[in-house]
Amino acid sequence: MRRTSRIGVLAGILIATGLPITYWLIALLIQAGILPYDLLHARLDELGLVALAEVVLGPLGCVVVGRSAGIYGATWILAFVVALPVLAVLWFLSVVALSGSLGNPF
């Protein structure tokens, strides 16, 4: 019998997608004029380094989701094959949105 945990699945999703969603929200707040452009533009390099944490947090979140959902065997590989490219695209789009709103598209 497989044990599943909804809280673990939600925590894994939050771990995997928390950083890209946060970057996307920061970009939207900058474009709306709520967050100060000058302060965040000066910190663009630090924000870029923090964005690299997604290289660890994305797969870690996938592992937490898989273990909490009770995924084992060949389904585990399939879950990674599907989830990691989706997370990579989400991460890329969030970094592009943030750097674009700060005036540095790449």
Protein backbone atom coordinates (compact mmCIF):
# COMPACT_ATOMS: atom_id res chain seq x y z
CA MET A 1 0.00 0.00 0.00
CA ARG A 2 1.35 3.38 -0.98
CA ARG A 3 1.21 6.23 1.46
CA THR A 4 0.53 9.67 0.04
CA SER A 5 0.72 13.05 1.67
CA ARG A 6 -1.08 16.06 0.25
CA ILE A 7 0.94 18.41 2.43
CA GLY A 8 4.16 16.87 1.10
CA VAL A 9 2.99 17.23 -2.49
CA LEU A 10 2.07 20.89 -1.92
CA ALA A 11 5.39 21.51 -0.17
CA GLY A 12 7.28 19.95 -3.08
CA ILE A 13 5.39 22.06 -5.59
CA LEU A 14 6.17 25.15 -3.52
CA ILE A 15 9.85 24.22 -3.31
CA ALA A 16 10.09 23.59 -7.06
CA THR A 17 8.11 26.61 -8.27
CA GLY A 18 8.52 29.12 -5.46
CA LEU A 19 11.54 30.92 -6.84
CA PRO A 20 10.32 31.30 -10.46
CA ILE A 21 6.90 32.49 -9.31
CA THR A 22 8.54 34.97 -6.94
CA TYR A 23 10.72 36.34 -9.74
CA TRP A 24 7.72 36.65 -12.01
CA LEU A 25 5.78 38.53 -9.33
CA ILE A 26 8.72 40.86 -8.73
CA ALA A 27 8.83 41.59 -12.48
CA LEU A 28 5.10 42.37 -12.51
CA LEU A 29 5.44 44.67 -9.48
CA ILE A 30 8.35 46.52 -11.10
CA GLN A 31 6.36 47.01 -14.31
CA ALA A 32 3.40 48.29 -12.29
CA GLY A 33 5.67 50.79 -10.51
CA ILE A 34 5.11 49.32 -7.05
CA LEU A 35 8.70 48.17 -6.48
CA PRO A 36 11.56 50.67 -6.98
CA TYR A 37 13.27 50.14 -10.32
CA ASP A 38 16.57 51.77 -9.32
CA LEU A 39 17.06 49.70 -6.17
CA LEU A 40 16.40 46.38 -7.90
CA HIS A 41 18.36 47.31 -11.03
CA ALA A 42 21.42 47.83 -8.84
CA ARG A 43 20.88 44.34 -7.37
CA LEU A 44 20.43 42.51 -10.69
CA ASP A 45 23.65 40.49 -10.34
CA GLU A 46 22.65 39.23 -6.89
CA LEU A 47 19.19 38.33 -8.16
CA GLY A 48 20.82 36.37 -10.98
CA LEU A 49 22.91 34.38 -8.53
CA VAL A 50 19.85 33.58 -6.43
CA ALA A 51 18.08 32.40 -9.59
CA LEU A 52 20.72 29.69 -9.96
CA ALA A 53 19.37 28.11 -6.78
CA GLU A 54 16.56 26.74 -8.94
CA VAL A 55 19.08 24.24 -10.33
CA VAL A 56 18.95 22.58 -6.89
CA LEU A 57 15.44 23.53 -5.77
CA GLY A 58 13.66 22.30 -8.92
CA PRO A 59 14.82 18.67 -8.74
CA LEU A 60 14.53 18.73 -4.94
CA GLY A 61 10.90 19.78 -5.22
CA CYS A 62 10.30 17.01 -7.77
CA VAL A 63 11.76 14.45 -5.37
CA VAL A 64 9.57 15.71 -2.52
CA VAL A 65 6.47 15.57 -4.75
CA GLY A 66 7.34 12.07 -5.98
CA ARG A 67 8.02 10.66 -2.54
CA SER A 68 4.95 12.31 -1.04
CA ALA A 69 2.71 11.10 -3.88
CA GLY A 70 4.01 7.54 -3.57
CA ILE A 71 5.57 7.38 -7.04
CA TYR A 72 7.99 4.47 -7.51
CA GLY A 73 9.57 2.49 -10.33
CA ALA A 74 9.39 3.50 -13.97
CA THR A 75 6.78 6.13 -13.20
CA TRP A 76 9.46 7.97 -11.23
CA ILE A 77 11.60 8.43 -14.36
CA LEU A 78 8.58 9.51 -16.37
CA ALA A 79 7.73 12.11 -13.73
CA PHE A 80 11.24 13.56 -13.95
CA VAL A 81 11.22 13.53 -17.75
CA VAL A 82 8.01 15.57 -17.73
CA ALA A 83 8.58 17.80 -14.69
CA LEU A 84 12.15 18.99 -15.21
CA PRO A 85 11.65 20.53 -18.68
CA VAL A 86 8.48 22.23 -17.44
CA LEU A 87 10.41 23.67 -14.49
CA ALA A 88 13.26 24.72 -16.77
CA VAL A 89 10.88 26.64 -19.04
CA LEU A 90 9.18 28.23 -16.04
CA TRP A 91 12.55 29.25 -14.61
CA PHE A 92 13.77 30.65 -17.94
CA LEU A 93 10.61 32.68 -18.50
CA SER A 94 10.71 34.10 -14.97
CA VAL A 95 14.36 35.16 -15.30
CA VAL A 96 13.65 36.72 -18.71
CA ALA A 97 10.63 38.57 -17.30
CA LEU A 98 12.63 39.91 -14.36
CA SER A 99 15.68 40.94 -16.36
CA GLY A 100 13.46 42.41 -19.08
CA SER A 101 11.56 44.53 -16.59
CA LEU A 102 14.90 45.76 -15.21
CA GLY A 103 16.13 46.74 -18.68
CA ASN A 104 18.58 43.88 -19.25
CA PRO A 105 16.86 41.34 -21.47
CA PHE A 106 19.77 38.90 -21.32
